């Protein structure tokens, strides 16, 4: 599920709901959106990785391995992401 789908449940809301009911689930987002706001929000919700669809061919296998090993994964070519204060503790 993408980070911004226009149906009844988008990827960000699904992440929030899944982690609220099953906190041990590891969510790796696959999205067409490369804007920091989406990435920050997904991480603040509890996603442990974020891969842009355009990079998925070569990054998705690395991302899956990283998440499986308990690590967080972001595109290694992107600058570090800081979670904005307004996105802290959103799962509640």
N, C-alpha and C. Protein backbone atom coordinates (compact mmCIF):
# COMPACT_ATOMS: atom_id res chain seq x y z
N UNK A 1 0.84 -1.17 0.00
CA UNK A 1 0.00 0.00 0.00
C UNK A 1 0.89 1.24 0.00
N UNK A 2 0.60 2.19 -0.83
CA UNK A 2 1.38 3.41 -0.94
C UNK A 2 1.13 4.36 0.21
N UNK A 3 1.98 5.38 0.32
CA UNK A 3 1.86 6.35 1.40
C UNK A 3 0.67 7.28 1.22
N UNK A 4 0.20 7.45 0.01
CA UNK A 4 -0.94 8.35 -0.18
C UNK A 4 -1.90 7.80 -1.23
N UNK A 5 -2.74 6.87 -0.82
CA UNK A 5 -3.76 6.36 -1.71
C UNK A 5 -5.06 7.09 -1.42
N UNK A 6 -5.89 7.25 -2.42
CA UNK A 6 -7.09 8.04 -2.24
C UNK A 6 -8.32 7.20 -1.92
N UNK A 7 -8.17 5.94 -1.70
CA UNK A 7 -9.31 5.12 -1.31
C UNK A 7 -9.62 5.35 0.16
N UNK A 8 -10.36 4.48 0.77
CA UNK A 8 -10.80 4.72 2.14
C UNK A 8 -9.67 4.66 3.16
N UNK A 9 -8.58 3.99 2.85
CA UNK A 9 -7.48 3.86 3.80
C UNK A 9 -6.16 4.02 3.06
N UNK A 10 -5.37 5.03 3.44
CA UNK A 10 -4.08 5.21 2.76
C UNK A 10 -2.98 4.48 3.54
N UNK A 11 -1.80 4.45 2.99
CA UNK A 11 -0.69 3.73 3.60
C UNK A 11 -0.28 4.26 4.96
N UNK A 12 -0.35 5.57 5.12
CA UNK A 12 0.02 6.17 6.41
C UNK A 12 -0.99 5.81 7.49
N UNK A 13 -2.27 5.92 7.17
CA UNK A 13 -3.31 5.57 8.14
C UNK A 13 -3.28 4.07 8.43
N UNK A 14 -3.03 3.26 7.41
CA UNK A 14 -2.92 1.81 7.62
C UNK A 14 -1.76 1.50 8.56
N UNK A 15 -0.64 2.19 8.38
CA UNK A 15 0.51 2.00 9.27
C UNK A 15 0.13 2.31 10.71
N UNK A 16 -0.54 3.43 10.90
CA UNK A 16 -0.96 3.82 12.25
C UNK A 16 -1.87 2.76 12.87
N UNK A 17 -2.84 2.29 12.11
CA UNK A 17 -3.80 1.32 12.64
C UNK A 17 -3.15 -0.05 12.90
N UNK A 18 -2.30 -0.48 11.99
CA UNK A 18 -1.63 -1.78 12.16
C UNK A 18 -0.76 -1.76 13.41
N UNK A 19 0.04 -0.71 13.57
CA UNK A 19 0.95 -0.65 14.72
C UNK A 19 0.21 -0.41 16.03
N UNK A 20 -0.95 0.21 15.95
CA UNK A 20 -1.75 0.40 17.16
C UNK A 20 -2.27 -0.94 17.66
N UNK A 21 -2.63 -1.83 16.74
CA UNK A 21 -3.17 -3.13 17.15
C UNK A 21 -2.10 -4.20 17.29
N UNK A 22 -1.00 -4.08 16.55
CA UNK A 22 0.06 -5.08 16.58
C UNK A 22 1.40 -4.35 16.54
N UNK A 23 1.85 -3.87 17.67
CA UNK A 23 3.04 -3.01 17.73
C UNK A 23 4.32 -3.68 17.26
N UNK A 24 4.38 -4.99 17.29
CA UNK A 24 5.61 -5.68 16.91
C UNK A 24 5.78 -5.82 15.39
N UNK A 25 4.77 -5.44 14.62
CA UNK A 25 4.84 -5.53 13.16
C UNK A 25 5.86 -4.53 12.64
N UNK A 26 6.66 -4.94 11.68
CA UNK A 26 7.65 -4.06 11.05
C UNK A 26 7.08 -3.59 9.72
N UNK A 27 6.93 -2.29 9.56
CA UNK A 27 6.34 -1.71 8.35
C UNK A 27 7.43 -1.06 7.51
N UNK A 28 7.52 -1.50 6.27
CA UNK A 28 8.43 -0.92 5.29
C UNK A 28 7.55 -0.27 4.23
N UNK A 29 7.60 1.05 4.14
CA UNK A 29 6.77 1.79 3.19
C UNK A 29 7.41 1.76 1.80
N UNK A 30 6.59 1.57 0.79
CA UNK A 30 6.99 1.67 -0.61
C UNK A 30 6.09 2.73 -1.22
N UNK A 31 6.67 3.85 -1.66
CA UNK A 31 5.86 4.99 -2.08
C UNK A 31 6.44 5.69 -3.30
N UNK A 32 5.56 6.36 -4.01
CA UNK A 32 5.99 7.20 -5.13
C UNK A 32 6.41 8.59 -4.64
N UNK A 33 6.14 8.88 -3.37
CA UNK A 33 6.40 10.21 -2.83
C UNK A 33 7.76 10.28 -2.15
N UNK A 34 8.57 11.23 -2.61
CA UNK A 34 9.92 11.39 -2.08
C UNK A 34 10.05 12.64 -1.20
N UNK A 35 8.92 13.28 -0.88
CA UNK A 35 8.96 14.48 -0.07
C UNK A 35 9.26 14.13 1.38
N UNK A 36 10.12 14.95 2.01
CA UNK A 36 10.49 14.70 3.40
C UNK A 36 9.28 14.57 4.32
N UNK A 37 8.24 15.36 4.05
CA UNK A 37 7.05 15.33 4.90
C UNK A 37 6.44 13.93 4.98
N UNK A 38 6.33 13.23 3.86
CA UNK A 38 5.77 11.88 3.86
C UNK A 38 6.68 10.91 4.61
N UNK A 39 7.98 11.04 4.35
CA UNK A 39 8.94 10.14 4.98
C UNK A 39 8.96 10.37 6.49
N UNK A 40 9.01 11.62 6.91
CA UNK A 40 8.99 11.95 8.34
C UNK A 40 7.74 11.40 9.01
N UNK A 41 6.61 11.61 8.36
CA UNK A 41 5.34 11.18 8.95
C UNK A 41 5.28 9.65 9.07
N UNK A 42 5.73 8.95 8.04
CA UNK A 42 5.73 7.49 8.08
C UNK A 42 6.61 6.98 9.21
N UNK A 43 7.79 7.58 9.38
CA UNK A 43 8.70 7.17 10.46
C UNK A 43 8.11 7.51 11.83
N UNK A 44 7.49 8.67 11.92
CA UNK A 44 6.89 9.07 13.19
C UNK A 44 5.75 8.13 13.56
N UNK A 45 5.06 7.61 12.57
CA UNK A 45 3.98 6.65 12.82
C UNK A 45 4.51 5.29 13.26
N UNK A 46 5.78 5.03 12.96
CA UNK A 46 6.37 3.77 13.38
C UNK A 46 6.90 2.90 12.25
N UNK A 47 6.80 3.37 11.00
CA UNK A 47 7.40 2.61 9.90
C UNK A 47 8.91 2.53 10.15
N UNK A 48 9.51 1.42 9.79
CA UNK A 48 10.95 1.24 10.02
C UNK A 48 11.77 1.40 8.75
N UNK A 49 11.08 1.69 7.66
CA UNK A 49 11.79 1.91 6.42
C UNK A 49 10.89 2.60 5.41
N UNK A 50 11.52 3.24 4.44
CA UNK A 50 10.79 3.97 3.41
C UNK A 50 11.59 3.88 2.13
N UNK A 51 10.98 3.30 1.11
CA UNK A 51 11.64 3.13 -0.19
C UNK A 51 10.79 3.82 -1.24
N UNK A 52 11.44 4.59 -2.10
CA UNK A 52 10.76 5.27 -3.20
C UNK A 52 10.63 4.27 -4.35
N UNK A 53 9.44 4.21 -4.94
CA UNK A 53 9.19 3.23 -6.01
C UNK A 53 10.21 3.32 -7.14
N UNK A 54 10.65 4.54 -7.48
CA UNK A 54 11.60 4.70 -8.57
C UNK A 54 12.94 4.02 -8.25
N UNK A 55 13.24 3.83 -6.97
CA UNK A 55 14.49 3.19 -6.56
C UNK A 55 14.29 1.75 -6.12
N UNK A 56 13.08 1.28 -6.18
CA UNK A 56 12.73 -0.02 -5.59
C UNK A 56 13.51 -1.19 -6.17
N UNK A 57 13.81 -1.14 -7.46
CA UNK A 57 14.48 -2.27 -8.09
C UNK A 57 15.78 -2.63 -7.39
N UNK A 58 16.57 -1.64 -7.06
CA UNK A 58 17.85 -1.95 -6.42
C UNK A 58 17.84 -1.77 -4.91
N UNK A 59 16.90 -0.97 -4.36
CA UNK A 59 16.92 -0.73 -2.92
C UNK A 59 16.01 -1.66 -2.13
N UNK A 60 14.94 -2.16 -2.73
CA UNK A 60 13.99 -2.96 -1.97
C UNK A 60 14.61 -4.21 -1.35
N UNK A 61 15.45 -4.97 -2.07
CA UNK A 61 16.08 -6.12 -1.42
C UNK A 61 16.93 -5.72 -0.20
N UNK A 62 17.69 -4.61 -0.32
CA UNK A 62 18.49 -4.14 0.82
C UNK A 62 17.60 -3.70 1.96
N UNK A 63 16.49 -3.04 1.64
CA UNK A 63 15.57 -2.56 2.66
C UNK A 63 14.94 -3.72 3.42
N UNK A 64 14.53 -4.74 2.71
CA UNK A 64 13.92 -5.91 3.35
C UNK A 64 14.92 -6.58 4.27
N UNK A 65 16.16 -6.74 3.81
CA UNK A 65 17.19 -7.35 4.66
C UNK A 65 17.43 -6.51 5.91
N UNK A 66 17.53 -5.19 5.74
CA UNK A 66 17.79 -4.29 6.88
C UNK A 66 16.66 -4.39 7.91
N UNK A 67 15.43 -4.33 7.45
CA UNK A 67 14.28 -4.40 8.36
C UNK A 67 14.25 -5.76 9.05
N UNK A 68 14.53 -6.82 8.32
CA UNK A 68 14.56 -8.16 8.89
C UNK A 68 15.63 -8.26 10.00
N UNK A 69 16.72 -7.51 9.85
CA UNK A 69 17.80 -7.50 10.85
C UNK A 69 17.54 -6.51 11.99
N UNK A 70 16.37 -5.89 11.99
CA UNK A 70 16.02 -4.97 13.07
C UNK A 70 16.51 -3.55 12.87
N UNK A 71 16.93 -3.22 11.66
CA UNK A 71 17.44 -1.88 11.37
C UNK A 71 16.36 -1.03 10.70
N UNK A 72 16.58 0.27 10.69
CA UNK A 72 15.74 1.20 9.95
C UNK A 72 16.38 1.41 8.59
N UNK A 73 15.56 1.54 7.55
CA UNK A 73 16.11 1.73 6.21
C UNK A 73 15.51 2.96 5.53
N UNK A 74 16.40 3.83 5.06
CA UNK A 74 16.04 4.95 4.19
C UNK A 74 17.02 4.95 3.03
N UNK A 75 16.66 5.60 1.96
CA UNK A 75 17.54 5.68 0.80
C UNK A 75 18.90 6.23 1.24
N UNK A 76 19.96 5.47 1.05
CA UNK A 76 21.28 5.91 1.50
C UNK A 76 21.78 7.17 0.79
N UNK A 77 21.20 7.53 -0.34
CA UNK A 77 21.61 8.73 -1.07
C UNK A 77 20.90 9.99 -0.60
N UNK A 78 19.84 9.83 0.19
CA UNK A 78 19.08 10.98 0.69
C UNK A 78 19.74 11.54 1.94
N UNK A 79 19.56 12.84 2.20
CA UNK A 79 20.07 13.42 3.45
C UNK A 79 19.31 12.83 4.64
N UNK A 80 19.91 12.86 5.83
CA UNK A 80 19.23 12.32 7.01
C UNK A 80 17.90 13.02 7.26
N UNK A 81 16.94 12.25 7.76
CA UNK A 81 15.60 12.77 8.05
C UNK A 81 15.49 13.03 9.54
N UNK A 82 14.97 14.19 9.88
CA UNK A 82 14.65 14.50 11.28
C UNK A 82 13.15 14.52 11.40
N UNK A 83 12.63 13.85 12.42
CA UNK A 83 11.19 13.84 12.61
C UNK A 83 10.79 15.15 13.29
N UNK A 84 9.96 15.90 12.63
CA UNK A 84 9.48 17.18 13.14
C UNK A 84 8.68 16.99 14.42
N UNK A 85 8.77 17.93 15.33
CA UNK A 85 8.07 17.85 16.61
C UNK A 85 6.59 17.56 16.45
N UNK A 86 5.96 18.12 15.44
CA UNK A 86 4.53 17.92 15.25
C UNK A 86 4.18 16.48 14.87
N UNK A 87 5.18 15.70 14.49
CA UNK A 87 4.94 14.32 14.11
C UNK A 87 5.31 13.35 15.23
N UNK A 88 5.74 13.84 16.36
CA UNK A 88 6.12 12.97 17.47
C UNK A 88 4.88 12.36 18.11
N UNK A 89 4.96 11.10 18.51
CA UNK A 89 3.91 10.43 19.27
C UNK A 89 2.53 10.52 18.60
N UNK A 90 2.45 10.13 17.35
CA UNK A 90 1.19 10.22 16.62
C UNK A 90 0.38 8.93 16.70
N UNK A 91 0.99 7.85 17.10
CA UNK A 91 0.29 6.56 17.04
C UNK A 91 -0.95 6.54 17.93
N UNK A 92 -0.85 7.05 19.14
CA UNK A 92 -1.90 7.09 20.13
C UNK A 92 -3.27 7.04 19.71
